[in-house]
Structure formats: C-alpha cells, structure tokens
Amino acid sequence: MPITPVKDLVAQAKTQIRTLPADEVQRLSDAGEILLVDIRDPRELTRDGKIPGAFSAPRGMLEFWVDPSSPYHKPALVTDKMLVLYCASAWRSALAVKALQEMGVENIAELQDGFSAWKKAGRPVETPE
C-alpha cells in the first residue's frame, strides 16, 4: 500500500476543521476571546519569534498537554476560550486541529496560512530577548 502524501492528509484535514483568517484572529486576540497556541518547534520560536501572548505547545507534545489524564497535562490549555493553533505555514496546525477534534476538543480552529504569512503581513511579533 503506498504512503498517502502529507499534502493530501493536510488537504483532507482542512475540509474537516475551521480555519480563521488573520484579520479575524487579530480581532479575537485583541478582544481576549481566544487562546493562540503556537505548535512550532522551540527552535523556530527562538529564530522567528511568535505572536504576542501565544501559548507555546510543541506539536509533538500537544495531545499529551491537552489530555487532563496525561502526566504531561498543561492546565493553561483547558479554557472557555477558543483554541487557535498555528505553525509556520498551516500544515502542522491543520493536522493538529483535526487530532484534537478527534480527542473531543470542540472550540478550536487554525490560523489561515500560519505564522509566516502573519509575519510577512507586518502583524505583531514578539521576539525572544
């Protein structure tokens, strides 16, 4: 059986998840209505910065950090706010949102086109000191 290309998995995930444009994410973030979750690798955060106020949850630990029964659970991810996940170009975030939906997380979306587009558009970026 051939391997399903990741681009196909991402395309399929995007038909099953909610994607929010950057303008809406900015508005919701400014209003305090969402929790932005940066799922990029820590090295990416150091190199490129992040959206101000975003919670960093590396993709490899995300499911463990969301699950209240996991020894790695992070209470910050249990919130009434919508979780809006993002990565560099909205591929990992699409797969991550789908995975969390499958776990039962309902109030969740991804940032359209990811952090790279956010930064390129001149939106706020917090850089490490």
C-alpha atoms as a PDB file:
ATOM      1  CA  MET A   1       0.000   0.000   0.000  1.00  0.00           C
ATOM      2  CA  PRO A   2       1.523   3.348  -0.988  1.00  0.00           C
ATOM      3  CA  ILE A   3       2.077   6.115   1.547  1.00  0.00           C
ATOM      4  CA  THR A   4      -0.565   8.863   1.458  1.00  0.00           C
ATOM      5  CA  PRO A   5       1.270  12.131   0.744  1.00  0.00           C
ATOM      6  CA  VAL A   6       1.204  14.557   3.675  1.00  0.00           C
ATOM      7  CA  LYS A   7      -0.207  17.282   1.402  1.00  0.00           C
ATOM      8  CA  ASP A   8      -3.232  15.027   0.860  1.00  0.00           C
ATOM      9  CA  LEU A   9      -3.638  14.489   4.610  1.00  0.00           C
ATOM     10  CA  VAL A  10      -3.460  18.257   5.156  1.00  0.00           C
ATOM     11  CA  ALA A  11      -5.993  18.930   2.386  1.00  0.00           C
ATOM     12  CA  GLN A  12      -8.362  16.350   3.867  1.00  0.00           C
ATOM     13  CA  ALA A  13      -7.948  17.801   7.381  1.00  0.00           C
ATOM     14  CA  LYS A  14      -8.721  21.298   6.098  1.00  0.00           C
ATOM     15  CA  THR A  15     -12.146  20.079   4.917  1.00  0.00           C
ATOM     16  CA  GLN A  16     -12.931  18.973   8.486  1.00  0.00           C
ATOM     17  CA  ILE A  17     -11.632  21.874  10.558  1.00  0.00           C
ATOM     18  CA  ARG A  18     -12.260  25.585  10.994  1.00  0.00           C
ATOM     19  CA  THR A  19      -9.707  27.996   9.524  1.00  0.00           C
ATOM     20  CA  LEU A  20      -9.743  31.653  10.555  1.00  0.00           C
ATOM     21  CA  PRO A  21      -8.244  34.494   8.510  1.00  0.00           C
ATOM     22  CA  ALA A  22      -5.556  36.607  10.171  1.00  0.00           C
ATOM     23  CA  ASP A  23      -7.825  39.674  10.445  1.00  0.00           C
ATOM     24  CA  GLU A  24     -10.347  37.707  12.497  1.00  0.00           C
ATOM     25  CA  VAL A  25      -7.632  36.090  14.624  1.00  0.00           C
ATOM     26  CA  GLN A  26      -6.154  39.541  15.332  1.00  0.00           C
ATOM     27  CA  ARG A  27      -9.591  40.910  16.306  1.00  0.00           C
ATOM     28  CA  LEU A  28     -10.414  37.928  18.539  1.00  0.00           C
ATOM     29  CA  SER A  29      -6.962  38.030  20.127  1.00  0.00           C
ATOM     30  CA  ASP A  30      -7.205  41.768  20.822  1.00  0.00           C
ATOM     31  CA  ALA A  31     -10.612  41.138  22.437  1.00  0.00           C
ATOM     32  CA  GLY A  32      -9.187  38.344  24.628  1.00  0.00           C
ATOM     33  CA  GLU A  33     -11.616  35.804  23.165  1.00  0.00           C
ATOM     34  CA  ILE A  34      -9.100  33.181  22.019  1.00  0.00           C
ATOM     35  CA  LEU A  35      -6.009  31.384  23.218  1.00  0.00           C
ATOM     36  CA  LEU A  36      -3.418  31.345  20.462  1.00  0.00           C
ATOM     37  CA  VAL A  37      -1.387  28.128  20.566  1.00  0.00           C
ATOM     38  CA  ASP A  38       1.935  28.096  18.746  1.00  0.00           C
ATOM     39  CA  ILE A  39       2.752  24.482  17.894  1.00  0.00           C
ATOM     40  CA  ARG A  40       6.096  25.158  16.219  1.00  0.00           C
ATOM     41  CA  ASP A  41       9.358  23.689  17.444  1.00  0.00           C
ATOM     42  CA  PRO A  42      11.132  25.751  20.148  1.00  0.00           C
ATOM     43  CA  ARG A  43      13.988  26.408  17.701  1.00  0.00           C
ATOM     44  CA  GLU A  44      11.503  28.116  15.354  1.00  0.00           C
ATOM     45  CA  LEU A  45      10.305  30.334  18.204  1.00  0.00           C
ATOM     46  CA  THR A  46      13.862  31.365  19.025  1.00  0.00           C
ATOM     47  CA  ARG A  47      14.686  32.058  15.392  1.00  0.00           C
ATOM     48  CA  ASP A  48      11.450  33.729  14.229  1.00  0.00           C
ATOM     49  CA  GLY A  49       9.533  34.926  17.297  1.00  0.00           C
ATOM     50  CA  LYS A  50       5.848  34.306  17.943  1.00  0.00           C
ATOM     51  CA  ILE A  51       2.503  36.059  18.055  1.00  0.00           C
ATOM     52  CA  PRO A  52       2.360  38.096  21.286  1.00  0.00           C
ATOM     53  CA  GLY A  53       0.596  36.244  24.082  1.00  0.00           C
ATOM     54  CA  ALA A  54       0.616  32.883  22.296  1.00  0.00           C
ATOM     55  CA  PHE A  55       0.991  29.751  24.420  1.00  0.00           C
ATOM     56  CA  SER A  56       3.805  27.543  23.142  1.00  0.00           C
ATOM     57  CA  ALA A  57       2.881  23.863  22.843  1.00  0.00           C
ATOM     58  CA  PRO A  58       5.260  21.921  20.599  1.00  0.00           C
ATOM     59  CA  ARG A  59       3.411  19.724  18.110  1.00  0.00           C
ATOM     60  CA  GLY A  60       4.988  16.561  19.468  1.00  0.00           C
ATOM     61  CA  MET A  61       3.536  17.160  22.949  1.00  0.00           C
ATOM     62  CA  LEU A  62       0.198  18.751  22.052  1.00  0.00           C
ATOM     63  CA  GLU A  63      -2.120  15.782  22.602  1.00  0.00           C
ATOM     64  CA  PHE A  64      -0.346  14.941  25.873  1.00  0.00           C
ATOM     65  CA  TRP A  65      -0.611  18.530  27.112  1.00  0.00           C
ATOM     66  CA  VAL A  66      -4.334  18.769  26.249  1.00  0.00           C
ATOM     67  CA  ASP A  67      -5.337  15.461  27.896  1.00  0.00           C
ATOM     68  CA  PRO A  68      -6.263  16.063  31.575  1.00  0.00           C
ATOM     69  CA  SER A  69      -5.412  12.428  32.389  1.00  0.00           C
ATOM     70  CA  SER A  70      -1.887  12.732  30.998  1.00  0.00           C
ATOM     71  CA  PRO A  71       1.035  13.259  33.389  1.00  0.00           C
ATOM     72  CA  TYR A  72       2.147  16.000  30.965  1.00  0.00           C
ATOM     73  CA  HIS A  73      -1.181  17.912  31.043  1.00  0.00           C
ATOM     74  CA  LYS A  74      -0.950  21.723  30.913  1.00  0.00           C
ATOM     75  CA  PRO A  75      -3.935  23.382  32.665  1.00  0.00           C
ATOM     76  CA  ALA A  76      -3.479  26.522  30.526  1.00  0.00           C
ATOM     77  CA  LEU A  77      -4.952  24.559  27.613  1.00  0.00           C
ATOM     78  CA  VAL A  78      -8.228  23.999  29.491  1.00  0.00           C
ATOM     79  CA  THR A  79     -10.127  27.203  28.796  1.00  0.00           C
ATOM     80  CA  ASP A  80     -13.522  28.500  27.747  1.00  0.00           C
ATOM     81  CA  LYS A  81     -11.731  30.465  25.010  1.00  0.00           C
ATOM     82  CA  MET A  82     -11.416  29.087  21.502  1.00  0.00           C
ATOM     83  CA  LEU A  83      -8.013  27.498  20.888  1.00  0.00           C
ATOM     84  CA  VAL A  84      -6.472  28.836  17.671  1.00  0.00           C
ATOM     85  CA  LEU A  85      -3.473  26.779  16.642  1.00  0.00           C
ATOM     86  CA  TYR A  86      -0.762  27.907  14.282  1.00  0.00           C
ATOM     87  CA  CYS A  87       2.505  26.688  12.834  1.00  0.00           C
ATOM     88  CA  ALA A  88       4.741  28.139  10.132  1.00  0.00           C
ATOM     89  CA  SER A  89       2.529  27.547   7.083  1.00  0.00           C
ATOM     90  CA  ALA A  90      -0.701  25.914   8.359  1.00  0.00           C
ATOM     91  CA  TRP A  91       0.143  22.306   7.560  1.00  0.00           C
ATOM     92  CA  ARG A  92       1.016  21.032  11.046  1.00  0.00           C
ATOM     93  CA  SER A  93      -1.785  23.138  12.529  1.00  0.00           C
ATOM     94  CA  ALA A  94      -4.371  21.544  10.211  1.00  0.00           C
ATOM     95  CA  LEU A  95      -3.323  18.053  11.293  1.00  0.00           C
ATOM     96  CA  ALA A  96      -3.138  19.128  14.947  1.00  0.00           C
ATOM     97  CA  VAL A  97      -6.606  20.719  14.968  1.00  0.00           C
ATOM     98  CA  LYS A  98      -8.032  17.560  13.402  1.00  0.00           C
ATOM     99  CA  ALA A  99      -6.290  15.381  16.001  1.00  0.00           C
ATOM    100  CA  LEU A 100      -7.581  17.489  18.902  1.00  0.00           C
ATOM    101  CA  GLN A 101     -11.094  17.444  17.439  1.00  0.00           C
ATOM    102  CA  GLU A 102     -10.847  13.653  17.363  1.00  0.00           C
ATOM    103  CA  MET A 103      -9.896  13.804  21.071  1.00  0.00           C
ATOM    104  CA  GLY A 104     -13.076  15.784  21.774  1.00  0.00           C
ATOM    105  CA  VAL A 105     -11.844  19.393  21.732  1.00  0.00           C
ATOM    106  CA  GLU A 106     -14.701  21.328  20.130  1.00  0.00           C
ATOM    107  CA  ASN A 107     -13.885  25.054  20.348  1.00  0.00           C
ATOM    108  CA  ILE A 108     -10.825  25.007  18.092  1.00  0.00           C
ATOM    109  CA  ALA A 109      -9.524  26.438  14.814  1.00  0.00           C
ATOM    110  CA  GLU A 110      -6.308  27.177  12.959  1.00  0.00           C
ATOM    111  CA  LEU A 111      -4.758  30.410  11.710  1.00  0.00           C
ATOM    112  CA  GLN A 112      -5.036  30.607   7.925  1.00  0.00           C
ATOM    113  CA  ASP A 113      -1.632  30.453   6.201  1.00  0.00           C
ATOM    114  CA  GLY A 114       0.251  30.278   9.521  1.00  0.00           C
ATOM    115  CA  PHE A 115       2.876  32.392  11.231  1.00  0.00           C
ATOM    116  CA  SER A 116       4.934  33.028   8.096  1.00  0.00           C
ATOM    117  CA  ALA A 117       2.034  34.882   6.453  1.00  0.00           C
ATOM    118  CA  TRP A 118       1.214  36.648   9.746  1.00  0.00           C
ATOM    119  CA  LYS A 119       4.787  37.954   9.998  1.00  0.00           C
ATOM    120  CA  LYS A 120       5.035  38.813   6.286  1.00  0.00           C
ATOM    121  CA  ALA A 121       1.850  40.924   6.607  1.00  0.00           C
ATOM    122  CA  GLY A 122       3.579  43.022   9.281  1.00  0.00           C
ATOM    123  CA  ARG A 123       1.358  41.857  12.140  1.00  0.00           C
ATOM    124  CA  PRO A 124       2.698  41.948  15.714  1.00  0.00           C
ATOM    125  CA  VAL A 125       5.534  39.551  16.507  1.00  0.00           C
ATOM    126  CA  GLU A 126       7.183  39.005  19.873  1.00  0.00           C
ATOM    127  CA  THR A 127      10.867  38.152  19.556  1.00  0.00           C
ATOM    128  CA  PRO A 128      12.952  36.405  22.211  1.00  0.00           C
ATOM    129  CA  GLU A 129      15.281  38.611  24.190  1.00  0.00           C
END
